[in-house]
Amino acid sequence: MVTPHFEQAQLEYARYAVSPHFLQVIQTLHKTGQLSRTDLANELGYSRALVSGIVKDLLAHNVIREIGDAASTGGRRARLLDFNSAFAYVVGVDIGATSVDIGVANFRGEIVERHHDAIDVFDGPEPILTHVVRLIQQLLAKAKIAPGDVDALGIGVPGPVDFEKGVLIAPPIMPGWENYPIRQFLRKTFPQAAVVVDNDVNVMALGEMRYGSGTAVDNFIFVKVGTGIGAGIVVARTIYRGSDGCAGDIGHIMVMRDGPVCHCGNIGCIEAMASGMAIAQRATEAARNNTSAILASYLTAGSAQITAKEVGLAAQQGDRVALDIIKSSGSLLGDVLAGLVNFFNPRMIIIGGGVSKIGNQYLASIRRAILKRSLSLSTRHLQINYSPIVDEVGLRGALELARDHLFVEVAK
């Protein structure tokens, strides 16, 4: 639940400072669930006396609670320990290009209230964040939680993030957001709370690691395909952000030297060729050129542009143009991912984002390209699947990001 190292910029916002041993006990309870003192000592390799002292302090501060007796092993039954759900509340905010998901969770990570709303990040940071704060306040009121009881907020945003400073750096699809002080804006309403900002795909990878296909996987790549394309990289069950926080920005890998211009200003990026926006543009052109009657019918129904979802629906009806768009987009992305597989050798690649709902043909095309272009050893145990929690992975990750920053480690 909590990581043992934090950037210096985060320390001033953390409400609870604890020792490294405390962190290890909390982490172990989060990982394995309800445990007795003896189980904790065995799991961590600590002495029973050390664990008993830590547990005593955690009980005194209401961080954990005793919930009953463990199964009998022949002697006196041990008391099981678990988190006190009311110890703290956290808020998760998953901001996308066209929508936002907001949730409130207790200390155990159980979501008590949530809300989904349509937005447009082109409106700029202040209107969007003002709307987000208003929605958070409404959710807290509905859950009967005082704003002062919120101890951490985790925010996912669709662009490159300087994780230490909590600001976006040159976001291609978020004009006006560069270097905007998101953390400071939210702390005007929640001054006591830790506010943590990260790239949305890193947040999704965290959600997948805690609640999805990655719960038992040490090394995997989460790929979001939506308005843009990005990847969250998990190494030894830790989000890898790189030296400056932009690791995983695969959307701007070039796949065609004479391809279309990307949002970033370069030519032929995979994002410009195979994102949800690119799929929609290709389908719209086909509809306007009357090369697909089914796709053209979506335009005559009143839409200005066909969506990736409608491309998937057309493919399900056997539309050849829609199928070709899906196959070629999946193959292009698979070619890029094959390079990552050869380089990183992950155990799993998980595809999420709105385009992951386009159908199984898309996933099959990605798989074929990866298996064709990757070394046989690197794919021997590789699994490639859609996210099983695609509709909530970003929100789950944002809440976990907040929970991870409820505590900081006291310097030795």
Protein backbone atom coordinates (compact mmCIF):
# COMPACT_ATOMS: atom_id res chain seq x y z
CA MET A 1 0.00 0.00 0.00
CA VAL A 2 2.78 2.43 0.80
CA THR A 3 6.13 2.76 -0.85
CA PRO A 4 9.25 3.28 1.28
CA HIS A 5 10.76 6.14 -0.70
CA PHE A 6 9.19 9.43 -1.71
CA GLU A 7 10.36 12.51 -3.59
CA GLN A 8 11.34 15.41 -1.33
CA ALA A 9 8.60 17.58 -2.80
CA GLN A 10 5.97 15.20 -1.45
CA LEU A 11 7.17 15.18 2.15
CA GLU A 12 5.57 18.46 3.19
CA TYR A 13 2.14 17.18 2.15
CA ALA A 14 2.20 13.86 3.98
CA ARG A 15 0.06 13.84 7.08
CA TYR A 16 1.53 10.80 8.79
CA ALA A 17 5.24 10.15 9.35
CA VAL A 18 6.18 6.65 10.45
CA SER A 19 9.29 4.51 10.78
CA PRO A 20 10.48 2.16 8.01
CA HIS A 21 9.37 -0.83 10.12
CA PHE A 22 5.87 0.62 10.35
CA LEU A 23 5.79 0.98 6.57
CA GLN A 24 6.83 -2.62 6.11
CA VAL A 25 4.05 -3.86 8.39
CA ILE A 26 1.46 -1.73 6.57
CA GLN A 27 2.72 -2.86 3.18
CA THR A 28 2.59 -6.51 4.21
CA LEU A 29 -0.98 -6.24 5.48
CA HIS A 30 -1.98 -4.61 2.22
CA LYS A 31 -0.29 -7.31 0.14
CA THR A 32 -1.43 -10.39 2.02
CA GLY A 33 -4.59 -9.31 3.84
CA GLN A 34 -5.53 -10.18 7.39
CA LEU A 35 -2.62 -11.54 9.44
CA SER A 36 -1.75 -12.33 13.04
CA ARG A 37 1.28 -10.89 14.82
CA THR A 38 3.09 -14.20 14.38
CA ASP A 39 2.27 -14.24 10.66
CA LEU A 40 3.64 -10.70 10.31
CA ALA A 41 6.85 -11.60 12.12
CA ASN A 42 7.36 -14.65 9.90
CA GLU A 43 6.52 -12.74 6.71
CA LEU A 44 8.91 -9.87 7.47
CA GLY A 45 11.64 -11.76 9.27
CA TYR A 46 11.20 -9.50 12.32
CA SER A 47 11.29 -10.61 15.93
CA ARG A 48 7.94 -11.19 17.63
CA ALA A 49 8.84 -8.44 20.13
CA LEU A 50 9.46 -5.87 17.35
CA VAL A 51 6.21 -6.71 15.58
CA SER A 52 4.25 -6.59 18.85
CA GLY A 53 5.59 -3.11 19.56
CA ILE A 54 4.73 -1.84 16.08
CA VAL A 55 1.27 -3.37 16.22
CA LYS A 56 0.65 -1.79 19.62
CA ASP A 57 1.44 1.68 18.21
CA LEU A 58 -0.62 1.10 15.07
CA LEU A 59 -3.57 0.00 17.19
CA ALA A 60 -3.16 3.03 19.44
CA HIS A 61 -3.28 5.33 16.40
CA ASN A 62 -6.29 3.47 14.94
CA VAL A 63 -4.38 2.56 11.78
CA ILE A 64 -5.24 -1.12 12.21
CA ARG A 65 -7.69 -3.09 14.33
CA GLU A 66 -8.14 -6.57 15.71
CA ILE A 67 -10.98 -8.33 13.93
CA GLY A 68 -11.20 -11.73 15.58
CA ASP A 69 -9.38 -15.01 16.13
CA ALA A 70 -7.38 -16.94 13.57
CA ALA A 71 -8.00 -20.63 13.03
CA SER A 72 -6.78 -22.79 15.90
CA THR A 73 -3.43 -24.55 15.50
CA GLY A 74 -3.71 -26.43 18.77
CA GLY A 75 -2.86 -23.69 21.23
CA ARG A 76 -4.23 -20.25 22.04
CA ARG A 77 -5.83 -18.66 19.00
CA ALA A 78 -3.96 -15.68 17.55
CA ARG A 79 -5.75 -12.38 16.97
CA LEU A 80 -6.12 -11.32 13.35
CA LEU A 81 -5.18 -7.78 12.32
CA ASP A 82 -6.68 -5.71 9.52
CA PHE A 83 -6.88 -2.07 8.44
CA ASN A 84 -9.25 0.32 10.14
CA SER A 85 -11.30 1.46 7.15
CA ALA A 86 -12.24 4.77 8.82
CA PHE A 87 -8.62 5.72 9.61
CA ALA A 88 -8.35 7.86 6.47
CA TYR A 89 -10.21 8.76 3.29
CA VAL A 90 -8.67 9.36 -0.11
CA VAL A 91 -9.88 10.80 -3.41
CA GLY A 92 -8.89 9.54 -6.86
CA VAL A 93 -9.29 11.62 -10.02
CA ASP A 94 -8.71 10.09 -13.46
CA ILE A 95 -8.71 12.91 -16.02
CA GLY A 96 -8.93 11.90 -19.66
CA ALA A 97 -9.12 13.97 -22.81
CA THR A 98 -12.92 13.76 -22.90
CA SER A 99 -14.02 12.47 -19.49
CA VAL A 100 -13.20 12.38 -15.81
CA ASP A 101 -13.73 9.66 -13.20
CA ILE A 102 -13.73 10.63 -9.53
CA GLY A 103 -13.97 8.35 -6.53
CA VAL A 104 -13.78 8.48 -2.75
CA ALA A 105 -12.37 5.47 -0.90
CA ASN A 106 -11.70 4.51 2.69
CA PHE A 107 -8.38 3.32 4.11
CA ARG A 108 -9.01 -0.23 2.91
CA GLY A 109 -9.37 1.04 -0.65
CA GLU A 110 -13.12 0.37 -0.77
CA ILE A 111 -14.87 2.91 -3.00
CA VAL A 112 -17.69 4.61 -1.11
CA GLU A 113 -18.76 7.08 -3.82
CA ARG A 114 -17.85 7.62 -7.47
CA HIS A 115 -18.87 9.74 -10.45
CA HIS A 116 -18.18 9.84 -14.20
CA ASP A 117 -18.56 13.03 -16.20
CA ALA A 118 -17.83 14.30 -19.71
CA ILE A 119 -15.18 17.04 -20.01
CA ASP A 120 -12.91 18.56 -22.65
CA VAL A 121 -9.32 19.17 -21.53
CA PHE A 122 -9.09 21.88 -24.19
CA ASP A 123 -11.21 24.01 -21.84
CA GLY A 124 -8.03 24.54 -19.80
CA PRO A 125 -6.88 23.74 -16.27
CA GLU A 126 -8.85 26.19 -14.14
CA PRO A 127 -12.33 25.41 -15.54
CA ILE A 128 -11.65 21.65 -15.45
CA LEU A 129 -10.11 21.61 -11.96
CA THR A 130 -12.82 23.90 -10.59
CA HIS A 131 -15.38 21.42 -11.92
CA VAL A 132 -13.41 18.52 -10.41
CA VAL A 133 -13.31 20.19 -6.98
CA ARG A 134 -17.07 20.81 -7.14
CA LEU A 135 -17.69 17.14 -7.97
CA ILE A 136 -15.41 15.99 -5.14
CA GLN A 137 -17.30 18.15 -2.68
CA GLN A 138 -20.60 16.70 -3.87
CA LEU A 139 -19.32 13.14 -3.46
CA LEU A 140 -17.99 13.86 0.02
CA ALA A 141 -21.31 15.40 1.06
CA LYS A 142 -23.15 12.36 -0.31
CA ALA A 143 -20.85 10.04 1.66
CA LYS A 144 -21.13 12.26 4.77
CA ILE A 145 -17.34 12.76 4.84
CA ALA A 146 -15.95 16.14 5.90
CA PRO A 147 -13.44 17.70 3.47
CA GLY A 148 -10.98 17.86 6.37
CA ASP A 149 -11.09 14.06 6.62
CA VAL A 150 -9.59 13.65 3.13
CA ASP A 151 -5.92 12.86 3.68
CA ALA A 152 -4.69 12.32 0.11
CA LEU A 153 -5.71 12.92 -3.50
CA GLY A 154 -4.29 10.99 -6.46
CA ILE A 155 -4.61 12.63 -9.87
CA GLY A 156 -3.99 11.03 -13.28
CA VAL A 157 -3.62 13.36 -16.29
CA PRO A 158 -3.12 12.50 -20.00
CA GLY A 159 0.32 13.95 -20.62
CA PRO A 160 3.98 13.87 -19.57
CA VAL A 161 4.30 14.69 -15.86
CA ASP A 162 7.23 15.90 -13.80
CA PHE A 163 6.34 13.61 -10.92
CA GLU A 164 8.39 15.45 -8.32
CA LYS A 165 6.80 18.84 -9.08
CA GLY A 166 3.38 17.49 -9.99
CA VAL A 167 3.09 19.47 -13.24
CA LEU A 168 2.59 18.62 -16.91
CA ILE A 169 5.47 19.25 -19.29
CA ALA A 170 4.61 20.05 -22.94
CA PRO A 171 1.43 17.92 -23.05
CA PRO A 172 0.53 17.40 -26.74
CA ILE A 173 -3.25 17.21 -26.26
CA MET A 174 -3.61 19.59 -23.29
CA PRO A 175 -2.91 23.17 -24.41
CA GLY A 176 -2.70 25.60 -21.50
CA TRP A 177 -1.86 22.90 -18.94
CA GLU A 178 1.93 23.09 -19.12
CA ASN A 179 3.47 23.83 -15.71
CA TYR A 180 0.04 24.59 -14.27
CA PRO A 181 0.23 24.07 -10.46
CA ILE A 182 -2.40 21.32 -10.15
CA ARG A 183 -1.25 20.35 -6.67
CA GLN A 184 -1.44 23.89 -5.33
CA PHE A 185 -4.87 24.45 -6.90
CA LEU A 186 -6.37 21.42 -5.17
CA ARG A 187 -4.71 22.17 -1.86
CA LYS A 188 -6.59 25.47 -1.70
CA THR A 189 -9.65 23.33 -0.98
CA PHE A 190 -7.88 20.43 0.76
CA PRO A 191 -4.91 22.08 2.55
CA GLN A 192 -4.30 19.12 4.88
CA ALA A 193 -4.13 16.51 2.12
CA ALA A 194 -1.24 15.02 0.18
CA VAL A 195 -1.83 15.72 -3.52
CA VAL A 196 0.01 13.48 -5.99
CA VAL A 197 -0.08 13.98 -9.77
CA ASP A 198 1.06 11.38 -12.30
CA ASN A 199 0.65 10.47 -15.95
CA ASP A 200 -2.67 8.70 -16.52
CA VAL A 201 -1.08 5.56 -17.96
CA ASN A 202 1.20 5.14 -14.93
CA VAL A 203 -1.90 5.48 -12.79
CA MET A 204 -3.67 2.82 -14.86
CA ALA A 205 -0.68 0.49 -14.55
CA LEU A 206 -0.88 0.93 -10.77
CA GLY A 207 -4.58 0.09 -10.82
CA GLU A 208 -3.93 -2.98 -12.96
CA MET A 209 -1.15 -4.09 -10.61
CA ARG A 210 -3.40 -3.88 -7.55
CA TYR A 211 -6.78 -4.99 -8.93
CA GLY A 212 -6.46 -6.38 -12.47
CA SER A 213 -4.38 -8.86 -14.43
CA GLY A 214 -1.14 -7.66 -12.86
CA THR A 215 -1.85 -8.66 -9.27
CA ALA A 216 0.57 -11.59 -9.43
CA VAL A 217 2.94 -10.31 -12.14
CA ASP A 218 6.27 -8.65 -11.35
CA ASN A 219 7.06 -7.16 -14.77
CA PHE A 220 4.45 -5.99 -17.24
CA ILE A 221 3.49 -3.17 -19.61
CA PHE A 222 0.09 -1.52 -19.52
CA VAL A 223 -0.78 0.10 -22.86
CA LYS A 224 -3.53 2.69 -23.09
CA VAL A 225 -5.03 3.26 -26.53
CA GLY A 226 -7.50 6.10 -26.54
CA THR A 227 -7.26 9.64 -27.84
CA GLY A 228 -3.52 9.06 -27.51
CA ILE A 229 -1.25 6.08 -26.92
CA GLY A 230 0.98 5.55 -23.89
CA ALA A 231 2.45 2.83 -21.71
CA GLY A 232 2.89 2.30 -18.00
CA ILE A 233 5.91 0.17 -17.17
CA VAL A 234 5.98 -2.02 -14.07
CA VAL A 235 9.39 -3.35 -13.03
CA ALA A 236 9.59 -5.61 -9.98
CA ARG A 237 6.09 -4.42 -8.97
CA THR A 238 7.15 -0.77 -9.04
CA ILE A 239 6.07 1.90 -11.54
CA TYR A 240 9.10 2.84 -13.62
CA ARG A 241 8.99 6.54 -14.50
CA GLY A 242 12.50 7.05 -15.88
CA SER A 243 14.99 9.81 -15.08
CA ASP A 244 12.57 12.68 -15.76
CA GLY A 245 9.18 11.02 -15.42
CA CYS A 246 8.40 10.41 -19.09
CA ALA A 247 9.19 6.70 -19.43
CA GLY A 248 6.54 4.87 -21.43
CA ASP A 249 5.66 7.70 -23.81
CA ILE A 250 5.51 5.24 -26.69
CA GLY A 251 2.90 7.21 -28.63
CA HIS A 252 5.64 9.23 -30.26
CA ILE A 253 7.72 6.38 -31.61
CA MET A 254 7.94 6.87 -35.38
CA VAL A 255 6.43 4.12 -37.53
CA MET A 256 6.26 5.92 -40.88
CA ARG A 257 8.71 8.55 -42.15
CA ASP A 258 6.16 10.09 -44.52
CA GLY A 259 3.17 9.61 -42.22
CA PRO A 260 0.76 12.24 -40.90
CA VAL A 261 1.76 15.07 -38.58
CA CYS A 262 1.32 14.21 -34.91
CA HIS A 263 0.15 16.50 -32.09
CA CYS A 264 3.74 16.61 -30.90
CA GLY A 265 4.86 18.18 -34.19
CA ASN A 266 6.74 15.17 -35.52
CA ILE A 267 5.85 13.00 -38.49
CA GLY A 268 4.53 9.43 -38.50
CA CYS A 269 4.19 8.77 -34.76
CA ILE A 270 2.27 5.63 -33.77
CA GLU A 271 -0.24 7.91 -32.00
CA ALA A 272 -0.96 9.71 -35.27
CA MET A 273 -1.34 6.38 -37.06
CA ALA A 274 -3.16 4.04 -34.66
CA SER A 275 -4.79 5.92 -31.76
CA GLY A 276 -8.54 6.12 -31.32
CA MET A 277 -8.48 9.51 -32.98
CA ALA A 278 -6.52 8.16 -35.96
CA ILE A 279 -8.91 5.21 -36.31
CA ALA A 280 -11.88 7.59 -36.24
CA GLN A 281 -10.32 9.87 -38.85
CA ARG A 282 -9.61 6.99 -41.25
CA ALA A 283 -13.15 5.68 -40.85
CA THR A 284 -14.66 9.13 -41.39
CA GLU A 285 -12.66 9.56 -44.60
CA ALA A 286 -13.87 6.16 -45.81
CA ALA A 287 -17.46 7.11 -45.06
CA ARG A 288 -17.18 10.40 -46.91
CA ASN A 289 -15.56 8.66 -49.88
CA ASN A 290 -18.45 6.17 -49.94
CA THR A 291 -16.10 3.19 -49.70
CA SER A 292 -18.15 1.78 -46.82
CA ALA A 293 -21.91 1.96 -46.74
CA ILE A 294 -22.08 0.93 -43.10
CA LEU A 295 -19.61 3.59 -41.99
CA ALA A 296 -21.38 6.16 -44.17
CA SER A 297 -24.64 5.36 -42.38
CA TYR A 298 -23.13 6.56 -39.09
CA LEU A 299 -22.40 9.94 -40.67
CA THR A 300 -25.89 10.26 -42.14
CA ALA A 301 -27.25 9.53 -38.67
CA GLY A 302 -26.04 12.99 -37.66
CA SER A 303 -22.47 12.42 -36.46
CA ALA A 304 -19.80 14.83 -37.67
CA GLN A 305 -17.16 12.13 -37.24
CA ILE A 306 -17.24 8.40 -36.72
CA THR A 307 -15.91 7.10 -33.42
CA ALA A 308 -13.59 4.15 -32.87
CA LYS A 309 -16.49 2.40 -31.14
CA GLU A 310 -18.59 2.71 -34.31
CA VAL A 311 -15.70 1.26 -36.33
CA GLY A 312 -15.87 -1.76 -34.04
CA LEU A 313 -19.64 -2.04 -34.54
CA ALA A 314 -19.19 -1.88 -38.32
CA ALA A 315 -16.55 -4.60 -38.15
CA GLN A 316 -18.94 -6.82 -36.21
CA GLN A 317 -21.34 -6.48 -39.14
CA GLY A 318 -18.63 -7.72 -41.48
CA ASP A 319 -17.66 -4.33 -42.97
CA ARG A 320 -14.40 -4.93 -44.83
CA VAL A 321 -13.16 -1.33 -44.58
CA ALA A 322 -13.70 -1.25 -40.81
CA LEU A 323 -11.95 -4.60 -40.42
CA ASP A 324 -8.97 -3.39 -42.46
CA ILE A 325 -8.68 -0.24 -40.31
CA ILE A 326 -8.75 -2.32 -37.14
CA LYS A 327 -6.25 -4.87 -38.42
CA SER A 328 -3.76 -2.31 -39.72
CA SER A 329 -3.99 -0.20 -36.54
CA GLY A 330 -3.46 -3.27 -34.37
CA SER A 331 -0.52 -4.42 -36.50
CA LEU A 332 1.18 -1.02 -36.30
CA LEU A 333 0.84 -0.97 -32.52
CA GLY A 334 2.00 -4.58 -32.32
CA ASP A 335 5.15 -3.70 -34.27
CA VAL A 336 6.00 -1.02 -31.71
CA LEU A 337 5.23 -3.31 -28.79
CA ALA A 338 7.41 -6.04 -30.30
CA GLY A 339 10.39 -3.72 -29.91
CA LEU A 340 9.47 -3.19 -26.26
CA VAL A 341 9.14 -6.94 -25.74
CA ASN A 342 12.61 -7.55 -27.18
CA PHE A 343 14.03 -4.77 -25.01
CA PHE A 344 12.20 -5.33 -21.72
CA ASN A 345 11.03 -8.97 -21.81
CA PRO A 346 7.83 -8.41 -19.79
CA ARG A 347 5.68 -11.30 -18.60
CA MET A 348 2.49 -9.57 -19.69
CA ILE A 349 1.18 -6.81 -21.96
CA ILE A 350 -2.21 -5.45 -20.95
CA ILE A 351 -4.21 -3.33 -23.40
CA GLY A 352 -6.61 -0.74 -21.96
CA GLY A 353 -8.22 2.54 -22.92
CA GLY A 354 -11.35 3.15 -24.96
CA VAL A 355 -10.05 1.48 -28.12
CA SER A 356 -9.66 -1.82 -26.23
CA LYS A 357 -13.46 -2.13 -26.53
CA ILE A 358 -13.26 -2.20 -30.32
CA GLY A 359 -13.31 -5.99 -30.51
CA ASN A 360 -11.18 -9.12 -30.49
CA GLN A 361 -9.86 -8.60 -34.03
CA TYR A 362 -7.86 -5.64 -32.76
CA LEU A 363 -6.24 -7.69 -29.99
CA ALA A 364 -5.57 -10.55 -32.42
CA SER A 365 -3.76 -8.17 -34.79
CA ILE A 366 -1.61 -6.85 -31.96
CA ARG A 367 -0.75 -10.39 -30.87
CA ARG A 368 0.19 -11.50 -34.39
CA ALA A 369 2.52 -8.57 -34.90
CA ILE A 370 4.22 -9.02 -31.52
CA LEU A 371 4.74 -12.74 -32.01
CA LYS A 372 6.00 -12.24 -35.56
CA ARG A 373 8.57 -9.54 -34.73
CA SER A 374 9.72 -10.54 -31.24
CA LEU A 375 12.41 -13.05 -30.34
CA SER A 376 11.00 -16.47 -29.51
CA LEU A 377 12.58 -16.52 -26.05
CA SER A 378 11.01 -13.15 -25.13
CA THR A 379 7.52 -14.42 -26.00
CA ARG A 380 7.80 -17.90 -24.51
CA HIS A 381 5.76 -16.94 -21.45
CA LEU A 382 4.34 -13.63 -22.67
CA GLN A 383 0.61 -13.01 -22.17
CA ILE A 384 -1.19 -10.34 -24.20
CA ASN A 385 -4.70 -9.48 -23.10
CA TYR A 386 -7.23 -6.73 -22.66
CA SER A 387 -7.57 -5.23 -19.18
CA PRO A 388 -10.33 -7.02 -17.24
CA ILE A 389 -11.09 -3.78 -15.35
CA VAL A 390 -10.84 -1.36 -18.26
CA ASP A 391 -13.74 0.83 -17.11
CA GLU A 392 -12.30 1.47 -13.66
CA VAL A 393 -8.55 0.87 -13.93
CA GLY A 394 -7.71 4.60 -14.01
CA LEU A 395 -9.86 5.43 -11.01
CA ARG A 396 -8.54 2.44 -9.06
CA GLY A 397 -5.01 3.52 -9.83
CA ALA A 398 -5.64 7.13 -8.80
CA LEU A 399 -7.05 5.97 -5.47
CA GLU A 400 -4.07 3.67 -4.92
CA LEU A 401 -1.69 6.53 -5.77
CA ALA A 402 -3.38 8.55 -3.03
CA ARG A 403 -3.24 5.68 -0.52
CA ASP A 404 0.45 5.17 -1.27
CA HIS A 405 1.14 8.74 -0.17
CA LEU A 406 -0.70 8.77 3.14
CA PHE A 407 2.61 8.02 4.87
CA VAL A 408 6.24 9.05 4.56
CA GLU A 409 9.24 7.36 6.00
CA VAL A 410 11.01 9.06 8.89
CA ALA A 411 14.70 9.54 8.13
CA LYS A 412 17.00 7.35 10.19
